[in-house]
Amino acid sequence: MHMVNFDGFKLWMFILAPIIVIPQLIMGLLLSYLRMNNGFIYAVCLHIFINLISLLPIFLI
């Protein structure tokens, strides 16, 4: 959805949007590069590994 579709849209949301999107863009470019050069399974494994890192604190508690 577009940002302006939400009720209560504020200017600061528009300013912070690139900060929120940049990590997703970088990850997409990295996984796409890996997929095109090494194969689908490598990109999937890296995606699983990165998600596992973010979930590790939940598993350790």
C-alpha atoms as a PDB file:
ATOM      1  CA  MET A   1       0.000   0.000   0.000  1.00  0.00           C
ATOM      2  CA  HIS A   2       1.041   3.542  -0.505  1.00  0.00           C
ATOM      3  CA  MET A   3       1.915   5.635   2.511  1.00  0.00           C
ATOM      4  CA  VAL A   4      -0.667   8.327   1.849  1.00  0.00           C
ATOM      5  CA  ASN A   5      -3.517   5.771   1.939  1.00  0.00           C
ATOM      6  CA  PHE A   6      -3.280   5.578   5.730  1.00  0.00           C
ATOM      7  CA  ASP A   7      -5.343   7.841   7.972  1.00  0.00           C
ATOM      8  CA  GLY A   8      -3.353  10.393   9.879  1.00  0.00           C
ATOM      9  CA  PHE A   9      -0.542  10.657   7.337  1.00  0.00           C
ATOM     10  CA  LYS A  10       2.149  13.027   8.587  1.00  0.00           C
ATOM     11  CA  LEU A  11       5.129  14.614   6.869  1.00  0.00           C
ATOM     12  CA  TRP A  12       7.607  12.887   9.209  1.00  0.00           C
ATOM     13  CA  MET A  13       6.349   9.520   7.922  1.00  0.00           C
ATOM     14  CA  PHE A  14       7.288  10.547   4.396  1.00  0.00           C
ATOM     15  CA  ILE A  15      10.745  11.653   5.563  1.00  0.00           C
ATOM     16  CA  LEU A  16      11.401   8.387   7.439  1.00  0.00           C
ATOM     17  CA  ALA A  17      10.138   6.138   4.622  1.00  0.00           C
ATOM     18  CA  PRO A  18      13.518   5.834   2.829  1.00  0.00           C
ATOM     19  CA  ILE A  19      15.185   4.794   6.089  1.00  0.00           C
ATOM     20  CA  ILE A  20      12.640   2.000   6.450  1.00  0.00           C
ATOM     21  CA  VAL A  21      12.892   0.869   2.813  1.00  0.00           C
ATOM     22  CA  ILE A  22      16.687   0.982   2.283  1.00  0.00           C
ATOM     23  CA  PRO A  23      17.462  -2.256   4.208  1.00  0.00           C
ATOM     24  CA  GLN A  24      14.800  -4.117   2.208  1.00  0.00           C
ATOM     25  CA  LEU A  25      16.226  -2.752  -1.043  1.00  0.00           C
ATOM     26  CA  ILE A  26      19.768  -3.776  -0.131  1.00  0.00           C
ATOM     27  CA  MET A  27      18.612  -7.271   0.884  1.00  0.00           C
ATOM     28  CA  GLY A  28      16.658  -7.637  -2.354  1.00  0.00           C
ATOM     29  CA  LEU A  29      19.671  -6.631  -4.427  1.00  0.00           C
ATOM     30  CA  LEU A  30      21.986  -8.955  -2.498  1.00  0.00           C
ATOM     31  CA  LEU A  31      19.669 -11.955  -2.737  1.00  0.00           C
ATOM     32  CA  SER A  32      18.995 -11.276  -6.421  1.00  0.00           C
ATOM     33  CA  TYR A  33      22.709 -11.090  -7.166  1.00  0.00           C
ATOM     34  CA  LEU A  34      23.331 -14.302  -5.251  1.00  0.00           C
ATOM     35  CA  ARG A  35      20.458 -16.052  -7.014  1.00  0.00           C
ATOM     36  CA  MET A  36      21.606 -15.034 -10.492  1.00  0.00           C
ATOM     37  CA  ASN A  37      25.254 -15.943  -9.917  1.00  0.00           C
ATOM     38  CA  ASN A  38      25.060 -18.983  -7.610  1.00  0.00           C
ATOM     39  CA  GLY A  39      21.548 -20.369  -7.843  1.00  0.00           C
ATOM     40  CA  PHE A  40      18.197 -20.252  -6.135  1.00  0.00           C
ATOM     41  CA  ILE A  41      19.074 -22.506  -3.207  1.00  0.00           C
ATOM     42  CA  TYR A  42      21.955 -20.258  -2.100  1.00  0.00           C
ATOM     43  CA  ALA A  43      19.699 -17.199  -2.014  1.00  0.00           C
ATOM     44  CA  VAL A  44      17.078 -19.117  -0.035  1.00  0.00           C
ATOM     45  CA  CYS A  45      19.693 -20.408   2.420  1.00  0.00           C
ATOM     46  CA  LEU A  46      21.059 -16.893   2.983  1.00  0.00           C
ATOM     47  CA  HIS A  47      17.528 -15.595   3.537  1.00  0.00           C
ATOM     48  CA  ILE A  48      16.862 -18.356   6.081  1.00  0.00           C
ATOM     49  CA  PHE A  49      20.178 -17.631   7.822  1.00  0.00           C
ATOM     50  CA  ILE A  50      19.463 -13.902   8.081  1.00  0.00           C
ATOM     51  CA  ASN A  51      15.973 -14.565   9.443  1.00  0.00           C
ATOM     52  CA  LEU A  52      17.416 -17.064  11.912  1.00  0.00           C
ATOM     53  CA  ILE A  53      19.848 -14.449  13.238  1.00  0.00           C
ATOM     54  CA  SER A  54      16.963 -12.081  13.976  1.00  0.00           C
ATOM     55  CA  LEU A  55      15.009 -14.863  15.708  1.00  0.00           C
ATOM     56  CA  LEU A  56      17.940 -16.186  17.729  1.00  0.00           C
ATOM     57  CA  PRO A  57      17.201 -14.056  20.832  1.00  0.00           C
ATOM     58  CA  ILE A  58      13.661 -15.433  20.922  1.00  0.00           C
ATOM     59  CA  PHE A  59      14.960 -19.015  20.808  1.00  0.00           C
ATOM     60  CA  LEU A  60      17.515 -18.376  23.539  1.00  0.00           C
ATOM     61  CA  ILE A  61      15.040 -16.920  26.024  1.00  0.00           C
END
